[in-house]
């Protein structure tokens, strides 16, 4: 791969929810993407990445878990109702968590490593032709989602990634010019 090839891959990655809802995303492909994520920088080699794959009925369980947590948190009924079905919009979702560290600093470093891994995973998905969307865990739902995913107590859900095969391309967003300062 040349630097130009890499730049083209990075620039071709899009957030895209326009996917074929009936075409499954193979578990083996998702496992390959998770393995790529673990190559992100990881201070002190704590290996904080946690993954759970939701497909089929698991997507509905994810929506039920999140909507119940949102309702308990006092979110608006319309938002709670939307959360109940939103994870059915793509054939698969990947829950990505960051393990708690042995100190607040290590917990922050773990989250940073997992976020870097998510970007690597998204680029890998793009290279395989998948459409992705990086969603956040709703406020008040972290512990319920982490429990559903089978993660250890204290795990932070860094991303809920929607996965699917695109049916149309997503628009290219404008980017601001880089402001590189000299210090």
N, C-alpha and C. Protein backbone atom coordinates (compact mmCIF):
# COMPACT_ATOMS: atom_id res chain seq x y z
N UNK A 1 0.85 -1.17 0.00
CA UNK A 1 0.00 0.00 0.00
C UNK A 1 0.90 1.24 0.00
N UNK A 2 0.55 2.16 -0.85
CA UNK A 2 1.30 3.41 -0.91
C UNK A 2 0.65 4.44 0.02
N UNK A 3 1.37 5.50 0.34
CA UNK A 3 0.73 6.57 1.11
C UNK A 3 -0.53 7.11 0.42
N UNK A 4 -0.51 7.18 -0.90
CA UNK A 4 -1.70 7.65 -1.63
C UNK A 4 -2.86 6.67 -1.48
N UNK A 5 -2.56 5.36 -1.48
CA UNK A 5 -3.61 4.35 -1.28
C UNK A 5 -4.23 4.51 0.11
N UNK A 6 -3.36 4.71 1.11
CA UNK A 6 -3.87 4.88 2.47
C UNK A 6 -4.73 6.13 2.57
N UNK A 7 -4.25 7.23 2.00
CA UNK A 7 -5.01 8.48 2.03
C UNK A 7 -6.37 8.29 1.35
N UNK A 8 -6.40 7.56 0.25
CA UNK A 8 -7.66 7.31 -0.45
C UNK A 8 -8.61 6.49 0.42
N UNK A 9 -8.09 5.49 1.13
CA UNK A 9 -8.93 4.69 2.03
C UNK A 9 -9.51 5.57 3.13
N UNK A 10 -8.67 6.37 3.77
CA UNK A 10 -9.12 7.24 4.85
C UNK A 10 -10.19 8.19 4.34
N UNK A 11 -9.96 8.78 3.20
CA UNK A 11 -10.92 9.76 2.65
C UNK A 11 -12.19 9.11 2.12
N UNK A 12 -12.17 7.81 1.87
CA UNK A 12 -13.37 7.14 1.36
C UNK A 12 -14.29 6.65 2.48
N UNK A 13 -13.81 6.64 3.73
CA UNK A 13 -14.65 6.18 4.83
C UNK A 13 -15.77 7.17 5.07
N UNK A 14 -16.99 6.65 5.15
CA UNK A 14 -18.16 7.49 5.35
C UNK A 14 -19.05 6.89 6.42
N UNK A 15 -19.74 7.76 7.12
CA UNK A 15 -20.83 7.33 7.98
C UNK A 15 -22.02 7.10 7.06
N UNK A 16 -22.56 5.88 7.08
CA UNK A 16 -23.61 5.54 6.12
C UNK A 16 -24.57 4.53 6.74
N UNK A 17 -25.84 4.92 6.82
CA UNK A 17 -26.88 4.02 7.34
C UNK A 17 -27.77 3.49 6.21
N UNK A 18 -27.45 3.81 4.97
CA UNK A 18 -28.24 3.33 3.83
C UNK A 18 -27.68 1.98 3.41
N UNK A 19 -28.21 0.93 4.05
CA UNK A 19 -27.67 -0.41 3.87
C UNK A 19 -28.77 -1.41 3.52
N UNK A 20 -28.34 -2.55 3.00
CA UNK A 20 -29.23 -3.67 2.72
C UNK A 20 -29.51 -4.36 4.06
N UNK A 21 -30.71 -4.18 4.57
CA UNK A 21 -31.06 -4.72 5.90
C UNK A 21 -31.13 -6.25 5.92
N UNK A 22 -31.25 -6.86 4.76
CA UNK A 22 -31.41 -8.31 4.70
C UNK A 22 -30.12 -9.08 4.43
N UNK A 23 -29.08 -8.38 4.04
CA UNK A 23 -27.81 -9.06 3.75
C UNK A 23 -26.96 -9.12 5.02
N UNK A 24 -26.72 -10.32 5.53
CA UNK A 24 -25.98 -10.42 6.78
C UNK A 24 -24.51 -10.01 6.63
N UNK A 25 -23.96 -9.60 7.76
CA UNK A 25 -22.52 -9.31 7.85
C UNK A 25 -21.90 -10.53 8.51
N UNK A 26 -21.02 -11.24 7.80
CA UNK A 26 -20.47 -12.47 8.38
C UNK A 26 -19.71 -12.24 9.69
N UNK A 27 -19.97 -13.10 10.64
CA UNK A 27 -19.30 -13.02 11.94
C UNK A 27 -17.78 -13.08 11.78
N UNK A 28 -17.32 -13.91 10.84
CA UNK A 28 -15.88 -14.04 10.60
C UNK A 28 -15.27 -12.70 10.18
N UNK A 29 -15.99 -11.94 9.37
CA UNK A 29 -15.50 -10.62 8.95
C UNK A 29 -15.44 -9.68 10.16
N UNK A 30 -16.46 -9.72 11.00
CA UNK A 30 -16.48 -8.86 12.19
C UNK A 30 -15.33 -9.25 13.12
N UNK A 31 -15.04 -10.54 13.25
CA UNK A 31 -13.91 -10.97 14.07
C UNK A 31 -12.59 -10.44 13.51
N UNK A 32 -12.44 -10.43 12.18
CA UNK A 32 -11.24 -9.87 11.56
C UNK A 32 -11.11 -8.38 11.88
N UNK A 33 -12.23 -7.66 11.82
CA UNK A 33 -12.21 -6.23 12.11
C UNK A 33 -11.84 -5.99 13.57
N UNK A 34 -12.36 -6.81 14.47
CA UNK A 34 -12.01 -6.67 15.90
C UNK A 34 -10.53 -6.94 16.12
N UNK A 35 -9.99 -7.90 15.41
CA UNK A 35 -8.56 -8.18 15.53
C UNK A 35 -7.74 -6.99 15.07
N UNK A 36 -8.18 -6.34 13.99
CA UNK A 36 -7.48 -5.13 13.52
C UNK A 36 -7.51 -4.03 14.58
N UNK A 37 -8.65 -3.88 15.24
CA UNK A 37 -8.79 -2.84 16.26
C UNK A 37 -7.74 -2.98 17.35
N UNK A 38 -7.38 -4.20 17.66
CA UNK A 38 -6.43 -4.45 18.75
C UNK A 38 -4.99 -4.09 18.41
N UNK A 39 -4.76 -3.61 17.18
CA UNK A 39 -3.44 -3.16 16.79
C UNK A 39 -3.24 -1.67 17.07
N UNK A 40 -4.25 -1.02 17.59
CA UNK A 40 -4.12 0.40 17.94
C UNK A 40 -3.13 0.55 19.10
N UNK A 41 -2.51 1.72 19.23
CA UNK A 41 -1.59 1.94 20.34
C UNK A 41 -2.27 1.70 21.68
N UNK A 42 -1.54 1.08 22.60
CA UNK A 42 -2.09 0.75 23.90
C UNK A 42 -1.02 0.91 24.97
N UNK A 43 -1.04 2.06 25.65
CA UNK A 43 -0.06 2.35 26.70
C UNK A 43 -0.13 1.29 27.80
N UNK A 44 1.00 0.79 28.18
CA UNK A 44 1.14 -0.23 29.24
C UNK A 44 0.56 -1.58 28.86
N UNK A 45 0.17 -1.75 27.59
CA UNK A 45 -0.33 -3.04 27.09
C UNK A 45 -1.39 -3.67 28.02
N UNK A 46 -2.41 -2.90 28.28
CA UNK A 46 -3.50 -3.39 29.14
C UNK A 46 -4.53 -4.18 28.36
N UNK A 47 -4.48 -4.14 27.04
CA UNK A 47 -5.41 -4.86 26.15
C UNK A 47 -6.85 -4.62 26.59
N UNK A 48 -7.32 -3.36 26.52
CA UNK A 48 -8.62 -3.00 27.07
C UNK A 48 -9.83 -3.25 26.18
N UNK A 49 -9.62 -3.70 24.95
CA UNK A 49 -10.73 -3.85 24.01
C UNK A 49 -11.69 -4.96 24.43
N UNK A 50 -12.98 -4.63 24.35
CA UNK A 50 -14.03 -5.61 24.61
C UNK A 50 -15.03 -5.49 23.45
N UNK A 51 -15.49 -6.64 22.94
CA UNK A 51 -16.38 -6.64 21.78
C UNK A 51 -17.56 -7.56 22.01
N UNK A 52 -18.72 -7.16 21.52
CA UNK A 52 -19.91 -8.02 21.51
C UNK A 52 -20.65 -7.74 20.20
N UNK A 53 -21.06 -8.81 19.54
CA UNK A 53 -21.68 -8.74 18.22
C UNK A 53 -23.19 -8.95 18.38
N UNK A 54 -23.98 -8.02 17.87
CA UNK A 54 -25.44 -8.14 17.92
C UNK A 54 -25.97 -8.28 16.50
N UNK A 55 -26.56 -9.41 16.22
CA UNK A 55 -27.21 -9.66 14.94
C UNK A 55 -28.52 -10.39 15.22
N UNK A 56 -29.37 -10.53 14.25
CA UNK A 56 -30.64 -11.22 14.46
C UNK A 56 -31.39 -10.64 15.64
N UNK A 57 -31.88 -11.53 16.52
CA UNK A 57 -32.63 -11.10 17.70
C UNK A 57 -31.79 -10.30 18.69
N UNK A 58 -30.47 -10.42 18.62
CA UNK A 58 -29.60 -9.66 19.50
C UNK A 58 -29.74 -8.16 19.30
N UNK A 59 -30.06 -7.74 18.08
CA UNK A 59 -30.27 -6.31 17.81
C UNK A 59 -31.50 -5.81 18.56
N UNK A 60 -32.56 -6.63 18.59
CA UNK A 60 -33.77 -6.25 19.32
C UNK A 60 -33.50 -6.21 20.82
N UNK A 61 -32.72 -7.19 21.32
CA UNK A 61 -32.37 -7.18 22.75
C UNK A 61 -31.56 -5.93 23.11
N UNK A 62 -30.68 -5.52 22.20
CA UNK A 62 -29.91 -4.29 22.42
C UNK A 62 -30.86 -3.10 22.51
N UNK A 63 -31.79 -2.99 21.59
CA UNK A 63 -32.76 -1.90 21.62
C UNK A 63 -33.62 -1.92 22.87
N UNK A 64 -34.06 -3.10 23.29
CA UNK A 64 -34.88 -3.23 24.50
C UNK A 64 -34.08 -2.80 25.73
N UNK A 65 -32.83 -3.22 25.80
CA UNK A 65 -31.96 -2.87 26.93
C UNK A 65 -31.74 -1.37 27.00
N UNK A 66 -31.44 -0.77 25.86
CA UNK A 66 -31.17 0.67 25.84
C UNK A 66 -32.44 1.46 26.11
N UNK A 67 -33.57 1.07 25.53
CA UNK A 67 -34.80 1.84 25.75
C UNK A 67 -35.23 1.75 27.21
N UNK A 68 -35.06 0.59 27.85
CA UNK A 68 -35.42 0.46 29.26
C UNK A 68 -34.53 1.36 30.12
N UNK A 69 -33.23 1.40 29.81
CA UNK A 69 -32.31 2.25 30.56
C UNK A 69 -32.64 3.72 30.35
N UNK A 70 -32.99 4.09 29.12
CA UNK A 70 -33.34 5.48 28.83
C UNK A 70 -34.61 5.88 29.56
N UNK A 71 -35.58 4.97 29.60
CA UNK A 71 -36.82 5.26 30.31
C UNK A 71 -36.55 5.46 31.80
N UNK A 72 -35.73 4.58 32.38
CA UNK A 72 -35.38 4.71 33.80
C UNK A 72 -34.60 6.00 34.06
N UNK A 73 -33.88 6.46 33.07
CA UNK A 73 -33.09 7.69 33.18
C UNK A 73 -33.96 8.94 33.03
N UNK A 74 -35.20 8.74 32.57
CA UNK A 74 -36.12 9.87 32.43
C UNK A 74 -36.12 10.52 31.07
N UNK A 75 -35.63 9.82 30.04
CA UNK A 75 -35.65 10.39 28.70
C UNK A 75 -37.07 10.51 28.17
N UNK A 76 -37.23 11.37 27.19
CA UNK A 76 -38.54 11.60 26.58
C UNK A 76 -39.08 10.30 25.98
N UNK A 77 -40.39 10.07 26.10
CA UNK A 77 -40.98 8.84 25.56
C UNK A 77 -40.69 8.62 24.07
N UNK A 78 -40.65 9.68 23.27
CA UNK A 78 -40.37 9.52 21.83
C UNK A 78 -38.95 8.98 21.61
N UNK A 79 -37.98 9.45 22.39
CA UNK A 79 -36.60 8.96 22.26
C UNK A 79 -36.51 7.51 22.72
N UNK A 80 -37.24 7.18 23.78
CA UNK A 80 -37.26 5.80 24.29
C UNK A 80 -37.84 4.87 23.23
N UNK A 81 -38.93 5.28 22.60
CA UNK A 81 -39.58 4.47 21.57
C UNK A 81 -38.66 4.28 20.37
N UNK A 82 -37.95 5.33 19.97
CA UNK A 82 -37.03 5.24 18.83
C UNK A 82 -35.90 4.27 19.12
N UNK A 83 -35.38 4.31 20.34
CA UNK A 83 -34.28 3.42 20.71
C UNK A 83 -34.68 1.95 20.65
N UNK A 84 -35.95 1.68 20.83
CA UNK A 84 -36.44 0.31 20.83
C UNK A 84 -36.21 -0.37 19.48
N UNK A 85 -36.29 0.38 18.39
CA UNK A 85 -36.17 -0.22 17.06
C UNK A 85 -34.96 0.25 16.25
N UNK A 86 -34.21 1.23 16.73
CA UNK A 86 -33.15 1.81 15.90
C UNK A 86 -32.03 0.83 15.57
N UNK A 87 -31.81 -0.18 16.39
CA UNK A 87 -30.72 -1.12 16.12
C UNK A 87 -31.12 -2.19 15.11
N UNK A 88 -32.37 -2.11 14.63
CA UNK A 88 -32.84 -3.00 13.58
C UNK A 88 -32.59 -2.40 12.19
N UNK A 89 -32.06 -1.18 12.13
CA UNK A 89 -31.85 -0.49 10.86
C UNK A 89 -30.73 -1.09 10.03
N UNK A 90 -29.82 -1.83 10.67
CA UNK A 90 -28.74 -2.49 9.96
C UNK A 90 -28.73 -3.96 10.37
N UNK A 91 -28.14 -4.83 9.55
CA UNK A 91 -28.17 -6.25 9.89
C UNK A 91 -27.31 -6.63 11.09
N UNK A 92 -26.43 -5.74 11.52
CA UNK A 92 -25.56 -6.07 12.65
C UNK A 92 -25.11 -4.80 13.36
N UNK A 93 -24.81 -4.96 14.63
CA UNK A 93 -24.20 -3.90 15.43
C UNK A 93 -23.07 -4.52 16.24
N UNK A 94 -22.04 -3.74 16.47
CA UNK A 94 -20.91 -4.18 17.26
C UNK A 94 -20.77 -3.24 18.45
N UNK A 95 -20.83 -3.81 19.65
CA UNK A 95 -20.65 -3.03 20.88
C UNK A 95 -19.17 -3.12 21.23
N UNK A 96 -18.55 -1.96 21.40
CA UNK A 96 -17.11 -1.92 21.71
C UNK A 96 -16.93 -1.23 23.06
N UNK A 97 -16.26 -1.93 23.97
CA UNK A 97 -16.04 -1.38 25.30
C UNK A 97 -14.58 -1.23 25.63
N UNK A 98 -14.31 -0.39 26.63
CA UNK A 98 -12.97 -0.18 27.16
C UNK A 98 -12.96 -0.64 28.61
N UNK A 99 -12.08 -1.58 28.92
CA UNK A 99 -11.97 -2.08 30.29
C UNK A 99 -11.50 -0.97 31.22
N UNK A 100 -11.98 -1.02 32.44
CA UNK A 100 -11.57 -0.07 33.47
C UNK A 100 -10.09 -0.30 33.80
N UNK A 101 -9.36 0.76 34.05
CA UNK A 101 -7.96 0.65 34.41
C UNK A 101 -7.77 0.59 35.91
N UNK A 102 -6.52 0.45 36.33
CA UNK A 102 -6.21 0.38 37.76
C UNK A 102 -6.05 1.76 38.39
N UNK A 103 -6.28 2.81 37.60
CA UNK A 103 -6.26 4.19 38.09
C UNK A 103 -7.09 5.03 37.12
N UNK A 104 -7.50 6.22 37.53
CA UNK A 104 -8.23 7.08 36.59
C UNK A 104 -7.44 7.37 35.31
N UNK A 105 -6.13 7.56 35.43
CA UNK A 105 -5.31 7.80 34.25
C UNK A 105 -5.33 6.60 33.32
N UNK A 106 -5.15 5.41 33.87
CA UNK A 106 -5.13 4.19 33.05
C UNK A 106 -6.51 3.95 32.41
N UNK A 107 -7.58 4.28 33.11
CA UNK A 107 -8.92 4.15 32.53
C UNK A 107 -9.07 5.07 31.32
N UNK A 108 -8.56 6.30 31.44
CA UNK A 108 -8.60 7.25 30.32
C UNK A 108 -7.74 6.75 29.17
N UNK A 109 -6.54 6.24 29.47
CA UNK A 109 -5.67 5.71 28.43
C UNK A 109 -6.31 4.52 27.73
N UNK A 110 -7.01 3.68 28.51
CA UNK A 110 -7.70 2.53 27.91
C UNK A 110 -8.78 3.00 26.93
N UNK A 111 -9.54 4.00 27.34
CA UNK A 111 -10.59 4.53 26.46
C UNK A 111 -9.97 5.11 25.18
N UNK A 112 -8.86 5.82 25.33
CA UNK A 112 -8.19 6.38 24.16
C UNK A 112 -7.74 5.26 23.21
N UNK A 113 -7.18 4.20 23.77
CA UNK A 113 -6.73 3.08 22.95
C UNK A 113 -7.90 2.43 22.22
N UNK A 114 -9.02 2.28 22.90
CA UNK A 114 -10.19 1.67 22.28
C UNK A 114 -10.74 2.58 21.19
N UNK A 115 -10.78 3.89 21.43
CA UNK A 115 -11.26 4.82 20.40
C UNK A 115 -10.35 4.75 19.16
N UNK A 116 -9.04 4.68 19.37
CA UNK A 116 -8.13 4.53 18.24
C UNK A 116 -8.40 3.22 17.51
N UNK A 117 -8.67 2.17 18.27
CA UNK A 117 -9.00 0.88 17.67
C UNK A 117 -10.28 0.93 16.87
N UNK A 118 -11.26 1.69 17.34
CA UNK A 118 -12.51 1.82 16.60
C UNK A 118 -12.24 2.45 15.23
N UNK A 119 -11.40 3.48 15.18
CA UNK A 119 -11.07 4.09 13.89
C UNK A 119 -10.41 3.07 12.97
N UNK A 120 -9.50 2.27 13.50
CA UNK A 120 -8.86 1.23 12.70
C UNK A 120 -9.90 0.24 12.18
N UNK A 121 -10.82 -0.15 13.06
CA UNK A 121 -11.89 -1.07 12.68
C UNK A 121 -12.76 -0.46 11.57
N UNK A 122 -13.10 0.82 11.68
CA UNK A 122 -13.92 1.47 10.66
C UNK A 122 -13.20 1.52 9.32
N UNK A 123 -11.90 1.78 9.34
CA UNK A 123 -11.14 1.78 8.09
C UNK A 123 -11.09 0.38 7.49
N UNK A 124 -10.94 -0.64 8.34
CA UNK A 124 -10.97 -2.02 7.85
C UNK A 124 -12.31 -2.37 7.24
N UNK A 125 -13.38 -1.92 7.87
CA UNK A 125 -14.73 -2.16 7.34
C UNK A 125 -14.88 -1.50 5.97
N UNK A 126 -14.36 -0.29 5.84
CA UNK A 126 -14.41 0.41 4.55
C UNK A 126 -13.65 -0.37 3.49
N UNK A 127 -12.48 -0.87 3.84
CA UNK A 127 -11.68 -1.65 2.89
C UNK A 127 -12.43 -2.91 2.43
N UNK A 128 -13.27 -3.45 3.29
CA UNK A 128 -14.07 -4.64 2.94
C UNK A 128 -15.38 -4.29 2.24
N UNK A 129 -15.66 -3.00 2.08
CA UNK A 129 -16.87 -2.59 1.39
C UNK A 129 -18.08 -2.39 2.28
N UNK A 130 -17.89 -2.43 3.60
CA UNK A 130 -19.01 -2.25 4.54
C UNK A 130 -19.30 -0.77 4.78
N UNK A 131 -20.55 -0.48 5.04
CA UNK A 131 -20.97 0.83 5.53
C UNK A 131 -21.00 0.77 7.04
N UNK A 132 -20.64 1.87 7.70
CA UNK A 132 -20.60 1.91 9.15
C UNK A 132 -21.17 3.21 9.68
N UNK A 133 -21.52 3.15 10.95
CA UNK A 133 -21.96 4.35 11.68
C UNK A 133 -21.53 4.15 13.12
N UNK A 134 -20.74 5.08 13.67
CA UNK A 134 -20.27 5.00 15.04
C UNK A 134 -21.29 5.73 15.91
N UNK A 135 -22.06 5.00 16.68
CA UNK A 135 -23.02 5.57 17.60
C UNK A 135 -22.49 5.51 19.03
N UNK A 136 -22.97 6.43 19.84
CA UNK A 136 -22.60 6.46 21.25
C UNK A 136 -23.65 5.73 22.08
N UNK A 137 -23.24 5.25 23.22
CA UNK A 137 -24.18 4.64 24.15
C UNK A 137 -24.96 5.78 24.82
N UNK A 138 -26.29 5.71 24.80
CA UNK A 138 -27.07 6.80 25.41
C UNK A 138 -26.76 6.97 26.90
N UNK A 139 -26.90 8.23 27.35
CA UNK A 139 -26.67 8.56 28.75
C UNK A 139 -27.55 7.67 29.63
N UNK A 140 -26.96 7.10 30.65
CA UNK A 140 -27.69 6.26 31.59
C UNK A 140 -27.79 4.79 31.18
N UNK A 141 -27.32 4.45 29.96
CA UNK A 141 -27.46 3.07 29.47
C UNK A 141 -26.16 2.27 29.50
N UNK A 142 -25.03 2.91 29.84
CA UNK A 142 -23.73 2.23 29.77
C UNK A 142 -23.72 0.90 30.53
N UNK A 143 -24.10 0.90 31.79
CA UNK A 143 -23.98 -0.32 32.58
C UNK A 143 -24.90 -1.42 32.07
N UNK A 144 -26.10 -1.06 31.63
CA UNK A 144 -27.04 -2.06 31.10
C UNK A 144 -26.50 -2.67 29.80
N UNK A 145 -25.94 -1.83 28.93
CA UNK A 145 -25.39 -2.34 27.67
C UNK A 145 -24.15 -3.19 27.94
N UNK A 146 -23.28 -2.74 28.85
CA UNK A 146 -22.09 -3.51 29.19
C UNK A 146 -22.47 -4.87 29.76
N UNK A 147 -23.51 -4.91 30.59
CA UNK A 147 -23.97 -6.18 31.15
C UNK A 147 -24.52 -7.08 30.05
N UNK A 148 -25.37 -6.53 29.17
CA UNK A 148 -25.90 -7.31 28.05
C UNK A 148 -24.76 -7.90 27.22
N UNK A 149 -23.71 -7.11 27.01
CA UNK A 149 -22.57 -7.54 26.19
C UNK A 149 -21.68 -8.56 26.91
N UNK A 150 -21.87 -8.73 28.21
CA UNK A 150 -21.04 -9.66 28.97
C UNK A 150 -19.70 -9.06 29.38
N UNK A 151 -19.60 -7.73 29.37
CA UNK A 151 -18.37 -7.07 29.76
C UNK A 151 -18.24 -7.02 31.29
N UNK A 152 -17.02 -6.86 31.77
CA UNK A 152 -16.75 -6.76 33.20
C UNK A 152 -17.36 -5.47 33.75
N UNK A 153 -17.74 -5.48 35.04
CA UNK A 153 -18.20 -4.23 35.66
C UNK A 153 -17.12 -3.16 35.52
N UNK A 154 -17.55 -1.92 35.29
CA UNK A 154 -16.62 -0.82 35.12
C UNK A 154 -16.23 -0.56 33.67
N UNK A 155 -16.64 -1.44 32.75
CA UNK A 155 -16.33 -1.25 31.34
C UNK A 155 -17.13 -0.07 30.79
N UNK A 156 -16.49 0.78 30.02
CA UNK A 156 -17.15 1.90 29.36
C UNK A 156 -17.46 1.51 27.93
N UNK A 157 -18.71 1.67 27.52
CA UNK A 157 -19.09 1.42 26.13
C UNK A 157 -18.65 2.64 25.32
N UNK A 158 -17.67 2.44 24.47
CA UNK A 158 -17.07 3.51 23.68
C UNK A 158 -17.84 3.71 22.37
N UNK A 159 -18.36 2.62 21.82
CA UNK A 159 -19.04 2.71 20.52
C UNK A 159 -20.07 1.61 20.38
N UNK A 160 -21.14 1.95 19.70
CA UNK A 160 -22.06 0.96 19.17
C UNK A 160 -22.03 1.21 17.67
N UNK A 161 -21.39 0.30 16.95
CA UNK A 161 -21.15 0.49 15.53
C UNK A 161 -22.20 -0.28 14.72
N UNK A 162 -22.93 0.46 13.90
CA UNK A 162 -23.86 -0.16 12.97
C UNK A 162 -23.04 -0.66 11.77
N UNK A 163 -23.35 -1.86 11.28
CA UNK A 163 -22.64 -2.47 10.16
C UNK A 163 -23.62 -2.97 9.12
N UNK A 164 -23.30 -2.75 7.85
CA UNK A 164 -24.14 -3.28 6.77
C UNK A 164 -23.49 -3.04 5.43
N UNK A 165 -24.09 -3.61 4.41
CA UNK A 165 -23.60 -3.46 3.04
C UNK A 165 -24.33 -2.28 2.40
N UNK A 166 -23.60 -1.28 1.92
CA UNK A 166 -24.25 -0.07 1.41
C UNK A 166 -25.10 -0.35 0.16
N UNK A 167 -26.21 0.38 0.07
CA UNK A 167 -27.05 0.31 -1.13
C UNK A 167 -26.90 1.58 -1.96
N UNK A 168 -26.33 2.61 -1.38
CA UNK A 168 -26.00 3.84 -2.11
C UNK A 168 -24.90 4.56 -1.36
N UNK A 169 -24.12 5.34 -2.09
CA UNK A 169 -23.01 6.04 -1.44
C UNK A 169 -23.51 7.18 -0.55
N UNK A 170 -22.71 7.47 0.45
CA UNK A 170 -23.01 8.60 1.34
C UNK A 170 -22.31 9.85 0.80
N UNK A 171 -22.88 10.98 1.11
CA UNK A 171 -22.30 12.26 0.68
C UNK A 171 -20.95 12.49 1.35
N UNK A 172 -20.09 13.19 0.64
CA UNK A 172 -18.78 13.55 1.18
C UNK A 172 -18.92 14.87 1.94
N UNK A 173 -18.70 14.84 3.26
CA UNK A 173 -18.82 16.09 4.01
C UNK A 173 -17.61 17.00 3.79
N UNK A 174 -17.86 18.28 3.85
CA UNK A 174 -16.76 19.26 3.76
C UNK A 174 -15.94 19.17 5.05
N UNK A 175 -14.68 19.39 4.91
CA UNK A 175 -13.79 19.41 6.07
C UNK A 175 -13.15 20.79 6.17
N UNK A 176 -12.94 21.27 7.39
CA UNK A 176 -12.24 22.56 7.52
C UNK A 176 -10.77 22.39 7.17
N UNK A 177 -10.13 23.48 6.80
CA UNK A 177 -8.70 23.45 6.53
C UNK A 177 -7.95 23.12 7.82
N UNK A 178 -6.87 22.44 7.69
CA UNK A 178 -6.03 22.10 8.84
C UNK A 178 -5.36 23.38 9.35
N UNK A 179 -5.41 23.55 10.65
CA UNK A 179 -4.75 24.71 11.28
C UNK A 179 -3.56 24.18 12.09
N UNK A 180 -2.43 24.02 11.45
CA UNK A 180 -1.23 23.49 12.09
C UNK A 180 -0.41 24.67 12.60
N UNK A 181 -0.25 24.72 13.90
CA UNK A 181 0.48 25.82 14.52
C UNK A 181 1.90 25.38 14.86
N UNK A 182 2.77 26.33 14.93
CA UNK A 182 4.14 26.10 15.36
C UNK A 182 4.26 26.53 16.81
N UNK A 183 4.92 25.71 17.60
CA UNK A 183 5.12 26.07 19.01
C UNK A 183 6.59 26.26 19.29
